[in-house]
N, C-alpha and C. Protein backbone atom coordinates (compact mmCIF):
# COMPACT_ATOMS: atom_id res chain seq x y z
N UNK A 1 125.66 99.25 84.03
CA UNK A 1 125.30 98.20 85.52
C UNK A 1 123.96 97.87 85.17
N UNK A 2 123.73 96.08 85.10
CA UNK A 2 122.84 95.44 85.22
C UNK A 2 122.22 94.91 86.85
N UNK A 3 120.92 95.12 86.61
CA UNK A 3 120.59 94.48 87.42
C UNK A 3 119.18 93.16 86.99
N UNK A 4 119.46 92.30 87.45
CA UNK A 4 118.34 91.24 87.69
C UNK A 4 117.57 90.67 88.34
N UNK A 5 116.14 91.00 88.69
CA UNK A 5 115.41 91.15 89.53
C UNK A 5 114.81 89.89 89.49
N UNK A 6 114.55 88.82 90.52
CA UNK A 6 113.48 87.96 89.95
C UNK A 6 112.50 87.63 91.77
N UNK A 7 111.25 87.74 90.99
CA UNK A 7 110.61 88.14 91.96
C UNK A 7 108.71 87.01 91.42
N UNK A 8 108.18 87.17 92.48
CA UNK A 8 107.05 86.67 91.87
C UNK A 8 105.91 87.54 91.58
N UNK A 9 106.40 89.10 91.93
CA UNK A 9 105.20 89.92 92.07
C UNK A 9 105.89 90.79 90.80
N UNK A 10 106.10 90.57 89.75
CA UNK A 10 107.05 91.43 88.97
C UNK A 10 106.01 92.73 88.76
N UNK A 11 104.60 93.35 88.80
CA UNK A 11 104.11 94.45 88.85
C UNK A 11 104.05 95.40 89.86
N UNK A 12 104.80 94.31 91.03
CA UNK A 12 105.16 95.36 92.22
C UNK A 12 106.43 96.21 92.00
N UNK A 13 107.28 96.12 91.06
CA UNK A 13 108.41 96.81 90.97
C UNK A 13 107.99 97.40 89.45
N UNK A 14 107.52 98.02 89.08
CA UNK A 14 107.24 98.54 87.60
C UNK A 14 107.15 100.16 88.06
N UNK A 15 106.27 100.50 89.21
CA UNK A 15 106.70 102.07 89.34
C UNK A 15 107.83 102.65 89.95
N UNK A 16 108.58 101.54 91.16
CA UNK A 16 109.93 102.34 91.60
C UNK A 16 110.96 102.54 90.39
N UNK A 17 110.92 101.88 89.16
CA UNK A 17 111.89 101.89 88.44
C UNK A 17 111.51 102.86 87.24
N UNK A 18 110.57 103.31 87.14
CA UNK A 18 109.78 104.07 85.73
C UNK A 18 109.58 105.34 86.09
N UNK A 19 110.41 105.85 87.16
CA UNK A 19 110.10 107.53 87.68
C UNK A 19 111.69 107.97 88.04
N UNK A 20 111.99 109.34 88.35
CA UNK A 20 113.15 109.96 88.64
C UNK A 20 114.23 109.48 88.28
N UNK A 21 115.08 109.55 89.32
CA UNK A 21 116.56 109.46 89.13
C UNK A 21 116.87 107.85 88.42
N UNK A 22 115.90 106.96 88.59
CA UNK A 22 116.40 105.76 88.08
C UNK A 22 115.68 105.71 86.75
N UNK A 23 114.79 105.97 86.30
CA UNK A 23 114.08 106.13 84.54
C UNK A 23 115.04 107.18 84.13
N UNK A 24 115.76 107.87 84.74
CA UNK A 24 116.53 108.66 83.71
C UNK A 24 118.20 107.86 83.65
N UNK A 25 118.64 107.28 84.48
CA UNK A 25 119.57 106.34 84.21
C UNK A 25 119.12 105.55 83.61
N UNK A 26 118.55 104.72 83.11
CA UNK A 26 117.86 104.01 82.35
C UNK A 26 117.76 104.38 80.77
N UNK A 27 117.13 105.32 81.07
CA UNK A 27 117.04 106.34 79.51
C UNK A 27 118.54 106.47 78.90
N UNK A 28 119.49 106.95 79.93
CA UNK A 28 120.83 107.34 79.49
C UNK A 28 121.59 106.13 79.36
N UNK A 29 121.46 105.04 79.33
CA UNK A 29 122.06 103.79 79.29
C UNK A 29 123.11 103.60 80.34
N UNK A 30 122.72 104.24 81.20
CA UNK A 30 123.83 103.71 82.69
C UNK A 30 123.82 102.82 83.38
N UNK A 31 122.13 102.56 83.24
CA UNK A 31 121.77 101.14 84.32
C UNK A 31 120.72 100.43 83.49
N UNK A 32 120.41 99.14 83.72
CA UNK A 32 119.81 98.32 83.00
C UNK A 32 119.14 97.72 84.51
N UNK A 33 117.40 97.67 84.35
CA UNK A 33 116.96 96.84 85.38
C UNK A 33 116.05 95.94 84.50
N UNK A 34 115.96 94.64 84.74
CA UNK A 34 115.21 94.07 84.27
C UNK A 34 114.86 92.76 85.39
N UNK A 35 113.37 93.04 85.31
CA UNK A 35 112.38 91.91 86.18
C UNK A 35 112.02 91.13 85.71
N UNK A 36 112.37 89.77 86.10
CA UNK A 36 111.55 88.34 86.05
C UNK A 36 111.13 87.77 86.86
N UNK A 37 109.34 87.41 86.14
CA UNK A 37 108.53 86.80 86.52
C UNK A 37 109.07 84.91 87.06
N UNK A 38 109.19 84.81 88.31
CA UNK A 38 109.51 83.31 88.54
C UNK A 38 108.62 82.46 88.28
N UNK A 39 107.62 82.66 87.92
CA UNK A 39 106.49 81.44 88.02
C UNK A 39 106.80 81.35 86.28
N UNK A 40 107.46 82.07 85.02
CA UNK A 40 107.56 81.79 84.01
C UNK A 40 108.70 80.32 84.05
N UNK A 41 108.96 79.93 84.99
CA UNK A 41 110.31 78.95 85.33
C UNK A 41 110.05 77.44 86.42
N UNK A 42 108.53 77.88 86.69
CA UNK A 42 107.60 76.91 87.46
C UNK A 42 107.31 75.95 86.83
N UNK A 43 107.28 74.75 86.85
CA UNK A 43 106.78 73.30 86.57
C UNK A 43 105.29 72.99 86.40
N UNK A 44 104.51 72.73 85.91
CA UNK A 44 103.19 72.61 85.67
C UNK A 44 102.25 73.64 85.19
N UNK A 45 101.14 73.08 85.33
CA UNK A 45 100.28 74.02 84.43
C UNK A 45 99.81 75.20 85.59
N UNK A 46 99.89 74.79 86.75
CA UNK A 46 99.68 75.92 87.99
C UNK A 46 100.76 77.03 88.23
N UNK A 47 102.13 76.30 87.42
CA UNK A 47 103.17 77.02 88.16
C UNK A 47 103.36 77.63 89.47
N UNK A 48 103.33 76.51 90.13
CA UNK A 48 103.16 77.10 91.56
C UNK A 48 105.01 76.93 92.27
N UNK A 49 105.37 77.82 92.81
CA UNK A 49 106.59 78.22 93.22
C UNK A 49 106.58 77.88 94.53
N UNK A 50 105.54 77.67 95.42
CA UNK A 50 106.17 77.17 96.91
C UNK A 50 105.75 75.94 96.96
N UNK A 51 105.72 75.35 98.11
CA UNK A 51 105.03 73.99 98.85
C UNK A 51 105.28 74.33 100.42
N UNK A 52 104.76 73.33 101.20
CA UNK A 52 104.87 73.13 102.38
C UNK A 52 106.66 72.48 103.02
N UNK A 53 106.64 73.24 104.08
CA UNK A 53 107.91 72.74 104.70
C UNK A 53 108.06 71.79 105.34
N UNK A 54 109.65 71.17 105.20
CA UNK A 54 109.71 69.74 105.34
C UNK A 54 109.63 69.91 107.13
N UNK A 55 109.21 68.79 108.09
CA UNK A 55 109.56 69.27 109.35
C UNK A 55 107.94 69.61 109.91
N UNK A 56 106.94 70.05 109.05
CA UNK A 56 105.81 70.67 109.21
C UNK A 56 106.45 71.99 109.60
N UNK A 57 105.12 72.74 110.47
CA UNK A 57 105.41 74.14 110.69
C UNK A 57 104.64 75.31 109.75
N UNK A 58 104.45 76.66 110.07
CA UNK A 58 103.27 77.34 109.46
C UNK A 58 103.74 78.01 107.73
N UNK A 59 103.16 78.05 106.90
CA UNK A 59 103.46 78.96 106.18
C UNK A 59 104.33 78.37 105.34
N UNK A 60 104.66 78.38 103.97
CA UNK A 60 105.01 78.03 102.76
C UNK A 60 106.67 78.55 102.29
N UNK A 61 106.92 77.28 101.83
CA UNK A 61 108.87 77.57 101.44
C UNK A 61 108.59 78.10 100.07
N UNK A 62 109.28 78.72 99.27
CA UNK A 62 109.44 79.15 97.99
C UNK A 62 110.48 77.49 97.71
N UNK A 63 110.23 76.85 96.46
CA UNK A 63 111.14 75.86 96.39
C UNK A 63 111.98 76.52 95.06
N UNK A 64 112.96 75.03 95.23
CA UNK A 64 114.37 75.53 94.50
C UNK A 64 114.29 75.27 93.25
N UNK A 65 113.57 74.60 92.44
CA UNK A 65 113.55 74.84 90.78
C UNK A 65 113.30 75.63 90.25
N UNK A 66 112.59 76.65 90.66
CA UNK A 66 112.14 77.64 89.44
C UNK A 66 113.64 78.63 89.66
N UNK A 67 114.01 78.84 91.02
CA UNK A 67 115.24 79.64 91.21
C UNK A 67 116.24 79.53 90.28
N UNK A 68 116.61 78.33 90.44
CA UNK A 68 117.55 77.70 89.81
C UNK A 68 117.67 77.84 88.18
N UNK A 69 116.43 77.57 87.72
CA UNK A 69 116.12 77.41 86.25
C UNK A 69 116.49 79.31 85.83
N UNK A 70 115.96 79.88 86.50
CA UNK A 70 116.08 81.32 86.23
C UNK A 70 117.17 81.87 85.99
N UNK A 71 117.82 81.30 87.49
CA UNK A 71 119.58 81.88 87.74
C UNK A 71 120.48 80.97 86.46
N UNK A 72 120.24 80.25 86.57
CA UNK A 72 120.78 79.91 85.31
C UNK A 72 120.74 79.66 84.05
N UNK A 73 119.40 80.12 83.45
CA UNK A 73 119.48 81.20 82.11
C UNK A 73 120.23 82.41 82.36
N UNK A 74 120.12 83.21 83.28
CA UNK A 74 121.03 84.23 83.08
C UNK A 74 122.23 84.32 83.11
N UNK A 75 122.98 83.27 83.85
CA UNK A 75 124.13 83.01 84.15
C UNK A 75 124.97 82.61 82.70
N UNK A 76 123.64 82.03 82.01
CA UNK A 76 124.28 81.60 80.66
C UNK A 76 124.56 82.75 79.85
N UNK A 77 124.11 83.97 80.04
CA UNK A 77 124.04 84.72 79.20
C UNK A 77 125.23 85.69 79.43
N UNK A 78 125.51 85.63 80.78
CA UNK A 78 126.48 86.74 81.25
C UNK A 78 127.20 86.05 82.65
N UNK A 79 128.09 86.76 82.55
CA UNK A 79 128.84 86.82 83.73
C UNK A 79 128.36 87.57 85.14
N UNK A 80 128.01 87.13 86.20
CA UNK A 80 127.43 87.91 87.29
C UNK A 80 128.17 88.19 88.51
N UNK A 81 128.60 89.41 88.88
CA UNK A 81 129.63 89.97 90.04
C UNK A 81 128.70 89.50 91.61
N UNK A 82 127.75 89.13 91.70
CA UNK A 82 126.79 88.77 93.01
C UNK A 82 125.27 88.59 92.43
N UNK A 83 125.06 87.57 93.59
CA UNK A 83 123.71 87.28 93.30
C UNK A 83 123.02 87.10 95.07
N UNK A 84 122.37 88.58 95.15
CA UNK A 84 121.86 88.87 96.32
C UNK A 84 120.22 88.48 96.61
N UNK A 85 120.45 87.50 98.06
CA UNK A 85 119.04 87.50 98.18
C UNK A 85 118.70 88.75 99.45
N UNK A 86 117.32 88.88 99.29
CA UNK A 86 116.66 90.05 100.35
C UNK A 86 116.21 89.52 101.39
N UNK A 87 117.01 89.63 102.53
CA UNK A 87 116.64 88.55 103.56
C UNK A 87 116.72 89.75 104.89
N UNK A 88 115.91 89.47 105.95
CA UNK A 88 115.75 90.37 107.00
C UNK A 88 117.11 89.43 108.00
N UNK A 89 117.89 88.67 107.65
CA UNK A 89 118.65 88.06 108.68
C UNK A 89 120.24 88.37 107.63
N UNK A 90 120.02 89.27 106.71
CA UNK A 90 121.50 89.21 105.95
C UNK A 90 122.27 90.73 106.45
N UNK A 91 122.91 90.92 106.06
CA UNK A 91 123.73 92.17 106.31
C UNK A 91 122.88 93.42 106.49
N UNK A 92 123.03 94.38 107.19
CA UNK A 92 122.19 95.37 107.01
C UNK A 92 122.70 96.56 105.96
N UNK A 93 121.72 96.67 104.97
CA UNK A 93 122.36 97.43 103.91
C UNK A 93 122.77 99.18 104.38
N UNK A 94 123.89 99.92 104.04
CA UNK A 94 124.36 100.85 104.70
C UNK A 94 125.01 101.49 103.39
N UNK A 95 125.80 102.76 103.46
CA UNK A 95 126.21 103.52 102.60
C UNK A 95 127.57 102.68 101.87
N UNK A 96 128.16 102.21 102.81
CA UNK A 96 129.48 101.17 102.78
C UNK A 96 129.10 100.03 101.74
N UNK A 97 127.60 99.45 101.80
CA UNK A 97 127.67 98.14 100.91
C UNK A 97 127.00 98.64 99.86
N UNK A 98 126.25 99.93 99.70
CA UNK A 98 126.13 100.28 98.20
C UNK A 98 127.06 101.03 97.39
N UNK A 99 128.00 101.82 98.15
CA UNK A 99 129.49 101.97 97.29
C UNK A 99 129.94 100.61 96.80
N UNK A 100 130.29 99.38 97.62
CA UNK A 100 130.88 98.45 97.08
C UNK A 100 130.19 97.61 95.75
N UNK A 101 128.99 98.02 95.82
CA UNK A 101 128.17 97.16 95.05
C UNK A 101 127.74 98.38 93.56
N UNK A 102 128.15 99.64 93.95
CA UNK A 102 128.41 100.18 92.53
C UNK A 102 129.16 100.12 91.94
N UNK A 103 130.05 99.64 92.01
CA UNK A 103 131.36 99.63 90.92
C UNK A 103 131.28 97.93 90.14
N UNK A 104 130.17 96.88 90.88
CA UNK A 104 129.83 96.12 90.43
C UNK A 104 129.30 96.55 89.13
N UNK A 105 129.10 95.07 88.08
CA UNK A 105 128.71 95.18 86.48
C UNK A 105 127.45 94.59 86.38
N UNK A 106 127.39 92.93 87.14
CA UNK A 106 126.18 92.75 86.71
C UNK A 106 125.72 92.38 87.79
N UNK A 107 124.43 91.98 88.62
CA UNK A 107 123.91 91.95 89.93
C UNK A 107 122.20 91.10 89.36
N UNK A 108 122.25 89.98 90.31
CA UNK A 108 120.92 89.30 90.45
C UNK A 108 120.64 89.60 91.46
N UNK A 109 119.17 89.89 91.83
CA UNK A 109 118.70 89.86 93.28
C UNK A 109 117.17 89.04 93.39
N UNK A 110 117.64 88.38 94.41
CA UNK A 110 116.47 87.50 94.34
C UNK A 110 115.42 88.00 95.45
N UNK A 111 114.16 87.97 95.34
CA UNK A 111 113.17 88.40 96.02
C UNK A 111 112.27 87.13 96.92
N UNK A 112 112.75 87.00 98.14
CA UNK A 112 111.95 85.94 98.54
C UNK A 112 110.18 86.20 98.66
N UNK A 113 109.57 85.06 99.49
CA UNK A 113 108.10 85.39 99.93
C UNK A 113 107.97 84.50 100.62
N UNK A 114 106.30 84.72 101.12
CA UNK A 114 105.98 83.35 102.21
C UNK A 114 106.92 83.33 103.29
N UNK A 115 107.18 82.00 103.80
CA UNK A 115 107.94 81.89 104.91
C UNK A 115 109.31 82.18 104.33
N UNK A 116 109.77 82.13 103.31
CA UNK A 116 111.20 82.00 103.02
C UNK A 116 111.29 81.15 101.77
N UNK A 117 112.65 80.99 101.47
CA UNK A 117 113.41 80.31 100.23
C UNK A 117 113.82 79.13 100.80
N UNK A 118 114.09 77.96 100.13
CA UNK A 118 114.21 76.75 100.19
C UNK A 118 116.07 76.63 100.44
N UNK A 119 116.54 76.52 101.63
CA UNK A 119 117.84 76.93 102.15
C UNK A 119 119.00 76.39 100.90
N UNK A 120 118.73 75.74 100.40
CA UNK A 120 119.53 75.28 99.13
C UNK A 120 120.06 76.25 98.51
N UNK A 121 118.78 77.18 98.29
CA UNK A 121 119.36 78.25 97.06
C UNK A 121 120.05 78.98 97.03
N UNK A 122 120.02 79.62 99.03
CA UNK A 122 120.99 80.10 99.32
C UNK A 122 122.39 79.65 99.65
N UNK A 123 122.52 78.38 99.72
CA UNK A 123 123.49 77.83 99.65
C UNK A 123 124.47 77.42 98.54
N UNK A 124 123.67 77.30 97.37
CA UNK A 124 124.30 77.14 96.36
C UNK A 124 124.62 78.34 95.37
N UNK A 125 123.50 79.20 95.15
CA UNK A 125 123.74 80.77 94.19
C UNK A 125 123.89 81.34 95.20
N UNK A 126 123.47 81.86 95.97
CA UNK A 126 123.56 83.55 96.58
C UNK A 126 124.81 83.53 97.66
N UNK A 127 125.33 84.70 96.74
CA UNK A 127 126.81 84.91 97.29
C UNK A 127 126.89 86.04 98.38
N UNK A 128 125.62 86.77 98.33
CA UNK A 128 125.03 87.94 99.49
C UNK A 128 124.06 87.87 99.94
N UNK A 129 124.08 88.08 101.49
CA UNK A 129 122.53 88.68 101.70
C UNK A 129 122.41 89.86 102.71
N UNK A 130 121.19 90.55 102.28
CA UNK A 130 121.26 91.91 102.78
C UNK A 130 119.74 92.22 102.73
N UNK A 131 119.85 92.69 104.19
CA UNK A 131 118.76 93.25 104.83
C UNK A 131 118.72 94.70 104.81
N UNK A 132 117.56 95.31 105.26
CA UNK A 132 116.93 96.69 105.20
C UNK A 132 116.22 97.12 106.32
N UNK A 133 116.83 96.39 107.29
CA UNK A 133 116.27 96.92 108.12
C UNK A 133 115.81 95.50 109.41
N UNK A 134 115.45 95.70 110.92
CA UNK A 134 115.39 94.77 111.60
C UNK A 134 114.04 94.45 111.76
N UNK A 135 113.41 94.27 110.90
CA UNK A 135 111.75 93.95 110.50
C UNK A 135 111.29 93.29 109.13
N UNK A 136 110.20 92.83 109.53
CA UNK A 136 109.47 91.60 108.06
C UNK A 136 108.89 92.62 107.35
N UNK A 137 109.05 92.18 106.32
CA UNK A 137 108.14 92.89 105.37
C UNK A 137 107.39 91.42 104.40
N UNK A 138 106.72 91.55 103.25
CA UNK A 138 105.63 90.77 102.77
C UNK A 138 106.62 89.85 102.16
N UNK A 139 107.29 90.97 101.23
CA UNK A 139 108.25 89.96 100.52
C UNK A 139 109.60 90.61 100.12
N UNK A 140 110.33 90.61 99.23
CA UNK A 140 112.10 91.29 98.94
C UNK A 140 111.39 92.61 98.04
N UNK A 141 110.58 92.02 97.30
CA UNK A 141 110.70 93.41 96.35
C UNK A 141 110.50 94.51 96.83
N UNK A 142 110.64 95.37 97.79
CA UNK A 142 110.52 96.53 98.04
C UNK A 142 112.10 96.79 98.65
N UNK A 143 112.63 96.14 99.30
CA UNK A 143 114.05 95.97 99.92
C UNK A 143 114.57 95.91 98.20
N UNK A 144 114.42 95.33 97.40
CA UNK A 144 115.16 94.97 96.36
C UNK A 144 115.25 96.64 95.62
N UNK A 145 114.06 96.89 95.42
CA UNK A 145 114.04 98.39 94.81
C UNK A 145 115.05 99.71 95.88
N UNK A 146 114.95 99.55 97.26
CA UNK A 146 115.72 99.92 97.97
C UNK A 146 117.50 99.88 97.39
N UNK A 147 117.95 98.61 97.21
CA UNK A 147 119.03 98.61 97.14
C UNK A 147 119.09 99.01 95.78
N UNK A 148 118.32 98.89 94.38
CA UNK A 148 118.58 99.51 93.36
C UNK A 148 118.89 100.79 93.41
N UNK A 149 117.80 101.54 94.01
CA UNK A 149 117.91 102.99 94.06
C UNK A 149 119.06 103.58 94.78
N UNK A 150 119.85 102.71 95.82
CA UNK A 150 120.88 103.03 96.87
C UNK A 150 122.02 103.14 95.63
N UNK A 151 122.43 101.91 94.84
CA UNK A 151 123.71 101.76 94.20
C UNK A 151 123.31 102.90 93.01
N UNK A 152 122.36 102.85 92.21
CA UNK A 152 122.33 103.68 90.89
C UNK A 152 122.65 104.75 91.00
N UNK A 153 122.12 105.74 92.25
CA UNK A 153 122.46 106.73 91.79
C UNK A 153 123.95 107.34 92.23
N UNK A 154 124.53 106.21 92.57
CA UNK A 154 125.98 106.21 92.53
C UNK A 154 127.20 106.33 91.10
N UNK A 155 126.26 105.73 90.44
CA UNK A 155 127.05 105.69 89.03
C UNK A 155 127.51 107.03 88.56
N UNK A 156 128.67 106.91 88.09
CA UNK A 156 128.81 108.37 87.49
C UNK A 156 128.16 108.41 86.24
N UNK A 157 127.51 109.67 86.38
CA UNK A 157 126.53 110.50 85.24
C UNK A 157 125.25 110.39 85.56
N UNK A 158 124.92 109.46 86.74
CA UNK A 158 123.29 109.57 86.88
C UNK A 158 122.86 110.95 87.30
N UNK A 159 123.52 111.34 88.25
CA UNK A 159 123.01 112.57 88.82
C UNK A 159 123.70 113.73 88.05
N UNK A 160 122.93 114.76 88.00
CA UNK A 160 123.83 115.93 87.21
C UNK A 160 124.27 116.45 87.83
N UNK A 161 124.39 116.44 89.10
CA UNK A 161 125.64 117.00 89.92
C UNK A 161 126.42 115.70 90.75
N UNK A 162 127.48 115.35 90.04
CA UNK A 162 128.01 114.27 90.92
C UNK A 162 128.47 114.20 91.85
N UNK A 163 128.63 115.24 92.21
CA UNK A 163 129.29 115.81 93.47
C UNK A 163 127.92 115.60 94.69
N UNK A 164 126.97 115.57 94.51
CA UNK A 164 125.79 115.59 95.52
C UNK A 164 125.78 114.31 95.95
N UNK A 165 125.84 112.92 95.27
CA UNK A 165 126.14 111.49 95.89
C UNK A 165 127.01 111.33 97.33
N UNK A 166 128.22 112.28 96.76
CA UNK A 166 129.42 112.22 97.71
C UNK A 166 128.99 112.85 99.09
N UNK A 167 128.07 113.58 99.07
CA UNK A 167 127.58 115.15 99.92
C UNK A 167 127.08 114.32 100.88
N UNK A 168 126.09 112.94 99.98
CA UNK A 168 124.70 112.57 101.21
C UNK A 168 125.26 112.00 102.50
N UNK A 169 124.33 112.08 103.60
CA UNK A 169 124.49 111.54 104.55
C UNK A 169 124.98 110.12 104.93
N UNK A 170 125.91 109.49 105.49
CA UNK A 170 126.54 108.19 105.52
C UNK A 170 127.87 108.16 105.05
N UNK A 171 128.08 109.13 103.84
CA UNK A 171 129.50 109.09 103.19
C UNK A 171 130.48 109.04 103.50
N UNK A 172 130.72 109.88 104.73
CA UNK A 172 131.63 110.48 105.62
C UNK A 172 131.49 109.72 106.99
N UNK A 173 130.26 108.46 107.07
CA UNK A 173 129.93 108.23 108.57
C UNK A 173 129.29 109.17 109.66
N UNK A 174 128.88 110.17 108.88
CA UNK A 174 128.06 111.26 109.41
C UNK A 174 126.71 111.41 108.65
N UNK A 175 125.93 112.01 109.26
CA UNK A 175 124.65 112.66 109.13
C UNK A 175 124.87 113.84 108.26
N UNK A 176 124.11 114.09 107.54
CA UNK A 176 124.16 114.68 106.24
C UNK A 176 123.68 116.45 107.60
N UNK A 177 124.78 117.40 107.23
CA UNK A 177 124.10 118.52 107.96
C UNK A 177 123.00 119.32 107.42
N UNK A 178 122.23 120.71 107.95
CA UNK A 178 121.20 120.97 107.63
C UNK A 178 121.27 121.49 106.09
N UNK A 179 120.23 121.63 105.40
CA UNK A 179 120.41 122.18 104.38
C UNK A 179 119.02 123.47 103.85
N UNK A 180 119.26 124.32 103.39
CA UNK A 180 118.43 125.67 103.46
C UNK A 180 118.35 125.84 101.70
N UNK A 181 117.27 126.79 101.19
CA UNK A 181 116.95 127.54 100.27
C UNK A 181 116.42 128.58 100.41
N UNK A 182 116.04 129.57 99.18
CA UNK A 182 115.11 130.62 98.74
C UNK A 182 113.65 130.24 99.44
N UNK A 183 113.35 131.34 100.53
CA UNK A 183 113.58 132.37 100.87
C UNK A 183 114.81 132.73 101.85
N UNK A 184 115.59 133.66 102.06
CA UNK A 184 116.04 133.79 103.18
C UNK A 184 115.81 134.04 104.46
N UNK A 185 114.35 134.50 104.46
CA UNK A 185 113.53 134.74 105.68
C UNK A 185 111.89 134.36 105.28
N UNK A 186 111.85 133.17 106.33
CA UNK A 186 109.94 132.93 106.04
C UNK A 186 109.44 132.94 107.66
N UNK A 187 108.53 134.15 107.26
CA UNK A 187 107.66 134.39 108.76
C UNK A 187 108.55 134.32 109.97
N UNK A 188 109.96 135.22 109.59
CA UNK A 188 110.42 135.05 110.78
C UNK A 188 111.67 133.96 111.06
N UNK A 189 111.72 133.25 110.16
CA UNK A 189 112.75 131.93 110.57
C UNK A 189 113.89 132.55 109.41
N UNK A 190 114.93 132.40 109.67
CA UNK A 190 116.40 133.16 108.83
C UNK A 190 117.18 131.68 108.89
N UNK A 191 117.84 131.77 107.39
CA UNK A 191 118.53 130.79 107.24
C UNK A 191 120.06 131.62 108.07
N UNK A 192 120.76 130.15 108.53
CA UNK A 192 122.20 130.90 109.41
C UNK A 192 122.74 132.13 108.28
N UNK A 193 123.34 132.92 109.21
CA UNK A 193 124.03 134.44 108.55
C UNK A 193 125.21 133.49 107.87
N UNK A 194 125.80 132.18 107.98
CA UNK A 194 126.66 132.09 107.76
C UNK A 194 126.87 131.69 106.14
N UNK A 195 125.55 130.99 105.90
CA UNK A 195 125.14 130.29 104.55
C UNK A 195 125.39 131.36 103.56
N UNK A 196 125.19 132.77 104.14
CA UNK A 196 125.08 133.71 103.00
C UNK A 196 126.04 134.65 103.12
N UNK A 197 127.24 134.11 103.50
CA UNK A 197 128.30 134.99 103.84
C UNK A 197 129.20 134.74 102.47
N UNK A 198 129.29 133.56 102.13
CA UNK A 198 129.64 133.61 100.84
C UNK A 198 131.36 133.14 100.80
N UNK A 199 131.98 132.47 102.47
CA UNK A 199 132.99 132.23 102.74
C UNK A 199 132.86 131.10 102.61
N UNK A 200 133.73 130.34 101.93
CA UNK A 200 133.38 128.79 101.17
C UNK A 200 134.15 128.15 102.93
N UNK A 201 135.08 128.31 103.13
CA UNK A 201 136.09 127.41 103.70
C UNK A 201 135.16 127.54 105.38
N UNK A 202 134.53 128.54 105.80
CA UNK A 202 133.67 128.76 107.33
C UNK A 202 132.43 127.81 106.80
N UNK A 203 131.94 128.34 105.96
CA UNK A 203 130.54 127.42 105.43
C UNK A 203 130.61 126.18 105.62
N UNK A 204 131.95 125.72 104.82
CA UNK A 204 132.26 124.15 104.96
C UNK A 204 132.87 123.52 106.60
N UNK A 205 133.56 124.46 107.25
CA UNK A 205 133.46 124.47 108.71
C UNK A 205 132.14 124.02 109.34
N UNK A 206 131.55 125.02 109.13
CA UNK A 206 129.95 124.95 110.11
C UNK A 206 129.30 124.06 109.31
N UNK A 207 129.22 123.27 108.35
CA UNK A 207 128.73 122.00 107.79
C UNK A 207 128.97 120.96 108.48
N UNK A 208 130.73 120.86 108.34
CA UNK A 208 131.14 119.77 109.03
C UNK A 208 130.26 120.12 110.92
N UNK A 209 130.49 120.80 111.42
CA UNK A 209 130.14 120.84 112.86
C UNK A 209 128.57 120.72 112.91
N UNK A 210 127.81 121.04 112.24
CA UNK A 210 126.34 121.01 112.44
C UNK A 210 126.22 119.26 112.03
N UNK A 211 127.05 118.87 110.92
CA UNK A 211 126.81 117.01 110.84
C UNK A 211 127.28 116.34 112.15
N UNK A 212 128.53 116.54 112.42
CA UNK A 212 128.79 116.10 113.59
C UNK A 212 127.77 115.72 114.84
N UNK A 213 127.27 117.05 115.30
CA UNK A 213 126.47 117.57 116.13
C UNK A 213 124.97 116.93 115.96
N UNK A 214 124.58 116.48 114.88
CA UNK A 214 123.41 116.19 114.13
C UNK A 214 123.86 114.76 114.32
N UNK A 215 124.52 114.06 114.19
CA UNK A 215 125.19 112.44 114.32
C UNK A 215 124.96 112.27 115.84
N UNK A 216 125.73 113.03 116.58
CA UNK A 216 125.57 112.81 118.22
C UNK A 216 124.44 112.64 118.78
N UNK A 217 123.67 113.60 117.94
CA UNK A 217 122.23 113.77 118.81
C UNK A 217 121.25 112.38 118.04
N UNK A 218 121.33 112.32 117.16
CA UNK A 218 120.60 111.21 116.62
C UNK A 218 120.97 109.88 116.30
N UNK A 219 121.94 109.95 116.07
CA UNK A 219 123.07 108.52 115.75
C UNK A 219 124.29 108.52 116.22
N UNK A 220 124.10 108.69 117.54
CA UNK A 220 125.87 108.47 118.24
C UNK A 220 126.05 107.05 117.85
N UNK A 221 125.70 106.06 117.69
CA UNK A 221 126.08 104.64 117.61
C UNK A 221 127.16 104.80 116.03
N UNK A 222 127.17 105.94 115.26
CA UNK A 222 127.92 106.53 114.09
C UNK A 222 128.94 106.71 114.43
N UNK A 223 129.33 107.47 115.92
CA UNK A 223 130.76 107.78 116.24
C UNK A 223 131.35 106.86 117.07
N UNK A 224 130.91 105.91 117.29
CA UNK A 224 131.72 104.88 117.75
C UNK A 224 132.22 103.85 117.04
N UNK A 225 131.87 103.95 115.86
CA UNK A 225 132.20 102.93 115.13
C UNK A 225 133.84 103.10 114.36
């Protein structure tokens, strides 16, 4: 699976992709993550990628030409399943969306900045808009990293225990049950006896009940869907 991320701040994305699961996925050849500097496609000596908005108003708007050149250059090399724009007014990222994207082959992610991007970029090139929540960040780089992380960990072979991703919170519409590890008792706080029983059917029943109760308490909206 390949991700091509277009940004004016490529350095901001160096660390998230250079460690842990995402690093291992790339070393295994299961995921390719390429970051493209939008300014490389900007005209003139100044390499400007923004301009004042038509109609007036505060802030600067990212121009269409650099994005168009970069996207067209990438599409000339391969076909893409999605061109995603990270936007606070997109559909909110959830596990269902991550699952859908995990079966794609090639994805472009556009990172906005400043006041936003020229609407024509969204109209012409973007196939899907995704948000990471109802709040505004300085740019789309961190949300893009979140999307990549959420998707790549679902690719078969990325996690050493492939069943781990399938039991994550939200995969079955519920939050995850509490988890414990050694020691069995710490300063008077004990692991529930059922988890030490070795009775797998009863353990799974307990986990389901705990997941439902935790979801009811913390995210009742999930039970209403």
